[in-house]
Each structure stands twice: as structure tokens, then as C-alpha cells.
PDB file of all heavy atoms in Angstrom:
ATOM      1  N   LEU A   1     134.462 112.138  74.034  1.00  0.00           N
ATOM      2  CA  LEU A   1     135.229 112.012  75.247  1.00  0.00           C
ATOM      3  C   LEU A   1     134.630 112.770  76.546  1.00  0.00           C
ATOM      4  O   LEU A   1     134.490 112.325  77.618  1.00  0.00           O
ATOM      5  CB  LEU A   1     136.673 112.511  75.175  1.00  0.00           C
ATOM      6  CG  LEU A   1     137.613 111.496  74.316  1.00  0.00           C
ATOM      7  CD1 LEU A   1     138.877 112.141  74.073  1.00  0.00           C
ATOM      8  CD2 LEU A   1     137.629 110.129  74.856  1.00  0.00           C
ATOM      9  N   PRO A   2     134.068 114.142  76.322  1.00  0.00           N
ATOM     10  CA  PRO A   2     133.406 114.791  77.366  1.00  0.00           C
ATOM     11  C   PRO A   2     132.053 114.013  77.717  1.00  0.00           C
ATOM     12  O   PRO A   2     131.725 113.978  78.935  1.00  0.00           O
ATOM     13  CB  PRO A   2     133.112 116.097  76.856  1.00  0.00           C
ATOM     14  CG  PRO A   2     134.154 116.239  75.864  1.00  0.00           C
ATOM     15  CD  PRO A   2     134.446 115.009  75.216  1.00  0.00           C
ATOM     16  N   PHE A   3     131.433 113.415  76.760  1.00  0.00           N
ATOM     17  CA  PHE A   3     130.196 112.683  77.145  1.00  0.00           C
ATOM     18  C   PHE A   3     130.469 111.444  77.994  1.00  0.00           C
ATOM     19  O   PHE A   3     129.836 111.307  78.987  1.00  0.00           O
ATOM     20  CB  PHE A   3     129.553 112.181  75.797  1.00  0.00           C
ATOM     21  CG  PHE A   3     128.210 111.466  75.982  1.00  0.00           C
ATOM     22  CD1 PHE A   3     127.126 112.013  76.345  1.00  0.00           C
ATOM     23  CD2 PHE A   3     128.256 110.035  75.703  1.00  0.00           C
ATOM     24  CE1 PHE A   3     125.961 111.319  76.585  1.00  0.00           C
ATOM     25  CE2 PHE A   3     127.099 109.305  75.825  1.00  0.00           C
ATOM     26  CZ  PHE A   3     125.978 109.918  76.258  1.00  0.00           C
ATOM     27  N   LEU A   4     131.501 110.819  77.720  1.00  0.00           N
ATOM     28  CA  LEU A   4     132.048 109.573  78.582  1.00  0.00           C
ATOM     29  C   LEU A   4     132.340 110.110  79.924  1.00  0.00           C
ATOM     30  O   LEU A   4     132.066 109.467  80.859  1.00  0.00           O
ATOM     31  CB  LEU A   4     132.932 108.773  77.816  1.00  0.00           C
ATOM     32  CG  LEU A   4     132.487 108.076  76.539  1.00  0.00           C
ATOM     33  CD1 LEU A   4     133.678 107.382  75.937  1.00  0.00           C
ATOM     34  CD2 LEU A   4     131.397 107.013  76.881  1.00  0.00           C
ATOM     35  N   GLY A   5     132.973 111.278  79.881  1.00  0.00           N
ATOM     36  CA  GLY A   5     133.538 111.827  81.070  1.00  0.00           C
ATOM     37  C   GLY A   5     132.427 112.289  81.927  1.00  0.00           C
ATOM     38  O   GLY A   5     132.441 112.322  83.288  1.00  0.00           O
ATOM     39  N   ALA A   6     131.331 112.781  81.425  1.00  0.00           N
ATOM     40  CA  ALA A   6     130.131 113.177  82.099  1.00  0.00           C
ATOM     41  C   ALA A   6     129.518 111.962  82.900  1.00  0.00           C
ATOM     42  O   ALA A   6     129.206 112.148  84.157  1.00  0.00           O
ATOM     43  CB  ALA A   6     129.154 113.820  81.191  1.00  0.00           C
ATOM     44  N   TRP A   7     129.404 110.843  82.222  1.00  0.00           N
ATOM     45  CA  TRP A   7     128.926 109.702  82.891  1.00  0.00           C
ATOM     46  C   TRP A   7     129.794 109.220  84.048  1.00  0.00           C
ATOM     47  O   TRP A   7     129.403 108.677  84.991  1.00  0.00           O
ATOM     48  CB  TRP A   7     128.570 108.563  81.856  1.00  0.00           C
ATOM     49  CG  TRP A   7     127.308 108.854  81.188  1.00  0.00           C
ATOM     50  CD1 TRP A   7     127.161 109.480  80.017  1.00  0.00           C
ATOM     51  CD2 TRP A   7     126.037 108.339  81.574  1.00  0.00           C
ATOM     52  NE1 TRP A   7     125.744 109.503  79.701  1.00  0.00           N
ATOM     53  CE2 TRP A   7     125.131 108.754  80.679  1.00  0.00           C
ATOM     54  CE3 TRP A   7     125.664 107.623  82.752  1.00  0.00           C
ATOM     55  CZ2 TRP A   7     123.703 108.451  80.770  1.00  0.00           C
ATOM     56  CZ3 TRP A   7     124.234 107.391  82.734  1.00  0.00           C
ATOM     57  CH2 TRP A   7     123.369 107.763  81.846  1.00  0.00           C
ATOM     58  N   TRP A   8     131.083 109.273  83.675  1.00  0.00           N
ATOM     59  CA  TRP A   8     132.159 108.864  84.740  1.00  0.00           C
ATOM     60  C   TRP A   8     132.082 109.678  86.046  1.00  0.00           C
ATOM     61  O   TRP A   8     132.099 109.255  87.095  1.00  0.00           O
ATOM     62  CB  TRP A   8     133.482 108.749  84.110  1.00  0.00           C
ATOM     63  CG  TRP A   8     134.488 108.458  85.172  1.00  0.00           C
ATOM     64  CD1 TRP A   8     135.360 109.201  85.793  1.00  0.00           C
ATOM     65  CD2 TRP A   8     134.921 107.081  85.488  1.00  0.00           C
ATOM     66  NE1 TRP A   8     136.267 108.361  86.600  1.00  0.00           N
ATOM     67  CE2 TRP A   8     135.815 107.115  86.503  1.00  0.00           C
ATOM     68  CE3 TRP A   8     134.372 105.797  85.179  1.00  0.00           C
ATOM     69  CZ2 TRP A   8     136.434 106.063  87.202  1.00  0.00           C
ATOM     70  CZ3 TRP A   8     134.789 104.717  85.932  1.00  0.00           C
ATOM     71  CH2 TRP A   8     135.850 104.848  86.837  1.00  0.00           C
ATOM     72  N   ALA A   9     131.957 111.067  85.775  1.00  0.00           N
ATOM     73  CA  ALA A   9     131.915 111.988  86.857  1.00  0.00           C
ATOM     74  C   ALA A   9     130.620 111.735  87.683  1.00  0.00           C
ATOM     75  O   ALA A   9     130.726 111.828  88.938  1.00  0.00           O
ATOM     76  CB  ALA A   9     132.008 113.445  86.444  1.00  0.00           C
ATOM     77  N   PHE A  10     129.475 111.445  86.978  1.00  0.00           N
ATOM     78  CA  PHE A  10     128.224 111.208  87.660  1.00  0.00           C
ATOM     79  C   PHE A  10     128.448 109.897  88.599  1.00  0.00           C
ATOM     80  O   PHE A  10     127.971 109.952  89.688  1.00  0.00           O
ATOM     81  CB  PHE A  10     127.083 111.059  86.715  1.00  0.00           C
ATOM     82  CG  PHE A  10     125.754 110.762  87.332  1.00  0.00           C
ATOM     83  CD1 PHE A  10     125.119 111.858  87.878  1.00  0.00           C
ATOM     84  CD2 PHE A  10     125.247 109.575  87.476  1.00  0.00           C
ATOM     85  CE1 PHE A  10     123.819 111.642  88.452  1.00  0.00           C
ATOM     86  CE2 PHE A  10     124.035 109.340  88.085  1.00  0.00           C
ATOM     87  CZ  PHE A  10     123.315 110.345  88.672  1.00  0.00           C
ATOM     88  N   LYS A  11     129.057 108.941  88.033  1.00  0.00           N
ATOM     89  CA  LYS A  11     129.221 107.724  88.721  1.00  0.00           C
ATOM     90  C   LYS A  11     130.104 107.964  90.006  1.00  0.00           C
ATOM     91  O   LYS A  11     130.018 107.387  91.037  1.00  0.00           O
ATOM     92  CB  LYS A  11     130.077 106.700  87.913  1.00  0.00           C
ATOM     93  CG  LYS A  11     130.414 105.412  88.462  1.00  0.00           C
ATOM     94  CD  LYS A  11     131.073 104.466  87.580  1.00  0.00           C
ATOM     95  CE  LYS A  11     131.509 103.284  88.301  1.00  0.00           C
ATOM     96  NZ  LYS A  11     132.531 102.470  87.482  1.00  0.00           N
ATOM     97  N   GLN A  12     131.128 108.887  89.949  1.00  0.00           N
ATOM     98  CA  GLN A  12     131.879 109.254  90.969  1.00  0.00           C
ATOM     99  C   GLN A  12     131.315 110.367  91.931  1.00  0.00           C
ATOM    100  O   GLN A  12     132.002 110.815  92.854  1.00  0.00           O
ATOM    101  CB  GLN A  12     133.317 109.749  90.454  1.00  0.00           C
ATOM    102  CG  GLN A  12     134.012 108.767  89.651  1.00  0.00           C
ATOM    103  CD  GLN A  12     134.523 107.627  90.443  1.00  0.00           C
ATOM    104  OE1 GLN A  12     134.908 107.750  91.600  1.00  0.00           O
ATOM    105  NE2 GLN A  12     134.387 106.407  89.772  1.00  0.00           N
ATOM    106  N   MET A  13     130.098 110.648  91.638  1.00  0.00           N
ATOM    107  CA  MET A  13     129.306 111.700  92.494  1.00  0.00           C
ATOM    108  C   MET A  13     129.935 113.058  92.364  1.00  0.00           C
ATOM    109  O   MET A  13     129.748 113.882  93.250  1.00  0.00           O
ATOM    110  CB  MET A  13     129.064 111.209  93.843  1.00  0.00           C
ATOM    111  CG  MET A  13     128.270 110.059  94.057  1.00  0.00           C
ATOM    112  SD  MET A  13     127.783 109.925  95.738  1.00  0.00           S
ATOM    113  CE  MET A  13     127.756 108.250  96.036  1.00  0.00           C
ATOM    114  N   ASP A  14     130.607 113.343  91.261  1.00  0.00           N
ATOM    115  CA  ASP A  14     131.114 114.716  91.091  1.00  0.00           C
ATOM    116  C   ASP A  14     130.052 115.420  90.072  1.00  0.00           C
ATOM    117  O   ASP A  14     130.284 115.499  88.824  1.00  0.00           O
ATOM    118  CB  ASP A  14     132.415 114.641  90.393  1.00  0.00           C
ATOM    119  CG  ASP A  14     133.117 116.075  90.109  1.00  0.00           C
ATOM    120  OD1 ASP A  14     132.497 116.990  90.631  1.00  0.00           O
ATOM    121  OD2 ASP A  14     134.158 116.051  89.561  1.00  0.00           O
ATOM    122  N   TYR A  15     129.036 115.882  90.687  1.00  0.00           N
ATOM    123  CA  TYR A  15     127.819 116.370  89.921  1.00  0.00           C
ATOM    124  C   TYR A  15     128.119 117.645  89.151  1.00  0.00           C
ATOM    125  O   TYR A  15     127.663 117.693  88.000  1.00  0.00           O
ATOM    126  CB  TYR A  15     126.659 116.553  90.875  1.00  0.00           C
ATOM    127  CG  TYR A  15     126.227 115.304  91.511  1.00  0.00           C
ATOM    128  CD1 TYR A  15     125.990 115.298  92.975  1.00  0.00           C
ATOM    129  CD2 TYR A  15     126.130 114.061  90.867  1.00  0.00           C
ATOM    130  CE1 TYR A  15     125.558 114.131  93.570  1.00  0.00           C
ATOM    131  CE2 TYR A  15     125.743 112.893  91.571  1.00  0.00           C
ATOM    132  CZ  TYR A  15     125.463 113.053  92.782  1.00  0.00           C
ATOM    133  OH  TYR A  15     125.099 111.781  93.519  1.00  0.00           O
ATOM    134  N   GLY A  16     128.900 118.521  89.688  1.00  0.00           N
ATOM    135  CA  GLY A  16     129.235 119.788  88.931  1.00  0.00           C
ATOM    136  C   GLY A  16     130.065 119.347  87.729  1.00  0.00           C
ATOM    137  O   GLY A  16     129.791 119.978  86.574  1.00  0.00           O
ATOM    138  N   SER A  17     131.009 118.466  87.728  1.00  0.00           N
ATOM    139  CA  SER A  17     131.822 118.243  86.614  1.00  0.00           C
ATOM    140  C   SER A  17     130.965 117.406  85.619  1.00  0.00           C
ATOM    141  O   SER A  17     131.193 117.572  84.300  1.00  0.00           O
ATOM    142  CB  SER A  17     133.005 117.373  87.175  1.00  0.00           C
ATOM    143  OG  SER A  17     133.751 116.913  85.967  1.00  0.00           O
ATOM    144  N   SER A  18     130.125 116.544  86.005  1.00  0.00           N
ATOM    145  CA  SER A  18     129.230 115.870  85.199  1.00  0.00           C
ATOM    146  C   SER A  18     128.320 116.684  84.332  1.00  0.00           C
ATOM    147  O   SER A  18     128.237 116.539  83.077  1.00  0.00           O
ATOM    148  CB  SER A  18     128.233 114.975  86.071  1.00  0.00           C
ATOM    149  OG  SER A  18     127.371 114.275  85.232  1.00  0.00           O
ATOM    150  N   ILE A  19     127.701 117.740  84.934  1.00  0.00           N
ATOM    151  CA  ILE A  19     126.902 118.639  84.197  1.00  0.00           C
ATOM    152  C   ILE A  19     127.794 119.528  83.147  1.00  0.00           C
ATOM    153  O   ILE A  19     127.332 119.710  81.953  1.00  0.00           O
ATOM    154  CB  ILE A  19     126.253 119.602  85.231  1.00  0.00           C
ATOM    155  CG1 ILE A  19     125.149 118.841  85.933  1.00  0.00           C
ATOM    156  CG2 ILE A  19     125.575 120.862  84.471  1.00  0.00           C
ATOM    157  CD1 ILE A  19     124.607 119.619  87.127  1.00  0.00           C
ATOM    158  N   ARG A  20     128.885 119.975  83.609  1.00  0.00           N
ATOM    159  CA  ARG A  20     129.757 120.805  82.651  1.00  0.00           C
ATOM    160  C   ARG A  20     130.225 119.932  81.466  1.00  0.00           C
ATOM    161  O   ARG A  20     130.113 120.354  80.377  1.00  0.00           O
ATOM    162  CB  ARG A  20     130.994 121.345  83.483  1.00  0.00           C
ATOM    163  CG  ARG A  20     130.839 122.604  84.107  1.00  0.00           C
ATOM    164  CD  ARG A  20     132.190 123.085  84.635  1.00  0.00           C
ATOM    165  NE  ARG A  20     133.104 122.183  85.288  1.00  0.00           N
ATOM    166  CZ  ARG A  20     132.949 121.799  86.566  1.00  0.00           C
ATOM    167  NH1 ARG A  20     132.080 122.407  87.367  1.00  0.00           N
ATOM    168  NH2 ARG A  20     133.831 120.989  87.054  1.00  0.00           N
ATOM    169  N   ARG A  21     130.689 118.750  81.809  1.00  0.00           N
ATOM    170  CA  ARG A  21     131.057 117.868  80.602  1.00  0.00           C
ATOM    171  C   ARG A  21     129.936 117.484  79.724  1.00  0.00           C
ATOM    172  O   ARG A  21     130.125 117.397  78.579  1.00  0.00           O
ATOM    173  CB  ARG A  21     131.749 116.645  81.208  1.00  0.00           C
ATOM    174  CG  ARG A  21     133.103 116.897  81.800  1.00  0.00           C
ATOM    175  CD  ARG A  21     133.721 115.711  82.324  1.00  0.00           C
ATOM    176  NE  ARG A  21     134.981 115.990  83.091  1.00  0.00           N
ATOM    177  CZ  ARG A  21     135.767 115.103  83.575  1.00  0.00           C
ATOM    178  NH1 ARG A  21     135.524 113.879  83.535  1.00  0.00           N
ATOM    179  NH2 ARG A  21     136.919 115.443  84.150  1.00  0.00           N
ATOM    180  N   GLY A  22     128.819 117.248  80.301  1.00  0.00           N
ATOM    181  CA  GLY A  22     127.599 116.932  79.514  1.00  0.00           C
ATOM    182  C   GLY A  22     127.215 118.053  78.620  1.00  0.00           C
ATOM    183  O   GLY A  22     126.960 117.847  77.421  1.00  0.00           O
ATOM    184  N   ILE A  23     127.213 119.275  79.111  1.00  0.00           N
ATOM    185  CA  ILE A  23     126.988 120.418  78.241  1.00  0.00           C
ATOM    186  C   ILE A  23     127.999 120.586  77.230  1.00  0.00           C
ATOM    187  O   ILE A  23     127.684 120.898  76.052  1.00  0.00           O
ATOM    188  CB  ILE A  23     126.743 121.682  79.167  1.00  0.00           C
ATOM    189  CG1 ILE A  23     125.599 121.633  79.977  1.00  0.00           C
ATOM    190  CG2 ILE A  23     126.880 123.003  78.332  1.00  0.00           C
ATOM    191  CD1 ILE A  23     125.360 122.737  81.015  1.00  0.00           C
ATOM    192  N   PHE A  24     129.208 120.560  77.537  1.00  0.00           N
ATOM    193  CA  PHE A  24     130.294 120.655  76.533  1.00  0.00           C
ATOM    194  C   PHE A  24     130.207 119.596  75.469  1.00  0.00           C
ATOM    195  O   PHE A  24     130.428 119.938  74.283  1.00  0.00           O
ATOM    196  CB  PHE A  24     131.598 120.542  77.283  1.00  0.00           C
ATOM    197  CG  PHE A  24     132.811 120.839  76.378  1.00  0.00           C
ATOM    198  CD1 PHE A  24     133.084 122.199  76.044  1.00  0.00           C
ATOM    199  CD2 PHE A  24     133.659 119.874  75.829  1.00  0.00           C
ATOM    200  CE1 PHE A  24     134.073 122.587  75.171  1.00  0.00           C
ATOM    201  CE2 PHE A  24     134.763 120.187  75.048  1.00  0.00           C
ATOM    202  CZ  PHE A  24     134.953 121.552  74.577  1.00  0.00           C
ATOM    203  N   SER A  25     129.733 118.387  75.751  1.00  0.00           N
ATOM    204  CA  SER A  25     129.748 117.273  74.711  1.00  0.00           C
ATOM    205  C   SER A  25     128.640 117.629  73.580  1.00  0.00           C
ATOM    206  O   SER A  25     128.918 117.376  72.450  1.00  0.00           O
ATOM    207  CB  SER A  25     129.255 115.936  75.365  1.00  0.00           C
ATOM    208  OG  SER A  25     127.965 116.052  75.752  1.00  0.00           O
ATOM    209  N   TRP A  26     127.544 118.258  73.948  1.00  0.00           N
ATOM    210  CA  TRP A  26     126.562 118.631  72.790  1.00  0.00           C
ATOM    211  C   TRP A  26     126.788 119.992  72.370  1.00  0.00           C
ATOM    212  O   TRP A  26     126.341 120.337  71.275  1.00  0.00           O
ATOM    213  CB  TRP A  26     125.159 118.341  73.113  1.00  0.00           C
ATOM    214  CG  TRP A  26     124.624 119.126  74.360  1.00  0.00           C
ATOM    215  CD1 TRP A  26     124.446 118.634  75.648  1.00  0.00           C
ATOM    216  CD2 TRP A  26     124.057 120.418  74.378  1.00  0.00           C
ATOM    217  NE1 TRP A  26     123.976 119.594  76.430  1.00  0.00           N
ATOM    218  CE2 TRP A  26     123.669 120.590  75.705  1.00  0.00           C
ATOM    219  CE3 TRP A  26     123.963 121.377  73.427  1.00  0.00           C
ATOM    220  CZ2 TRP A  26     123.087 121.857  76.123  1.00  0.00           C
ATOM    221  CZ3 TRP A  26     123.483 122.581  73.839  1.00  0.00           C
ATOM    222  CH2 TRP A  26     122.953 122.866  75.105  1.00  0.00           C
ATOM    223  N   PHE A  27     127.489 120.838  73.031  1.00  0.00           N
ATOM    224  CA  PHE A  27     127.763 122.196  72.514  1.00  0.00           C
ATOM    225  C   PHE A  27     128.798 122.213  71.337  1.00  0.00           C
ATOM    226  O   PHE A  27     128.595 122.983  70.485  1.00  0.00           O
ATOM    227  CB  PHE A  27     128.469 122.984  73.650  1.00  0.00           C
ATOM    228  CG  PHE A  27     128.640 124.415  73.348  1.00  0.00           C
ATOM    229  CD1 PHE A  27     127.534 125.286  73.336  1.00  0.00           C
ATOM    230  CD2 PHE A  27     129.952 124.852  73.112  1.00  0.00           C
ATOM    231  CE1 PHE A  27     127.617 126.604  72.977  1.00  0.00           C
ATOM    232  CE2 PHE A  27     130.019 126.240  72.792  1.00  0.00           C
ATOM    233  CZ  PHE A  27     129.044 127.177  72.624  1.00  0.00           C
TER     234      PHE A  27
END
């Protein structure tokens, strides 16, 4: 879910949230 959220946030140009969610997904 955070991995998909990272891509969604990037699509919405919310870059900070995209990076946080991406890190959380593999953490």
C-alpha cells in the first residue's frame, strides 16, 4: 500500500510524500 501510495503521490506532484512512502515501503 505505501508503494502504490508513493507512485500516486508522485503522480499528484506531492514529492515529499512520495519519497516518504517509498522509503517506508521497503523499510
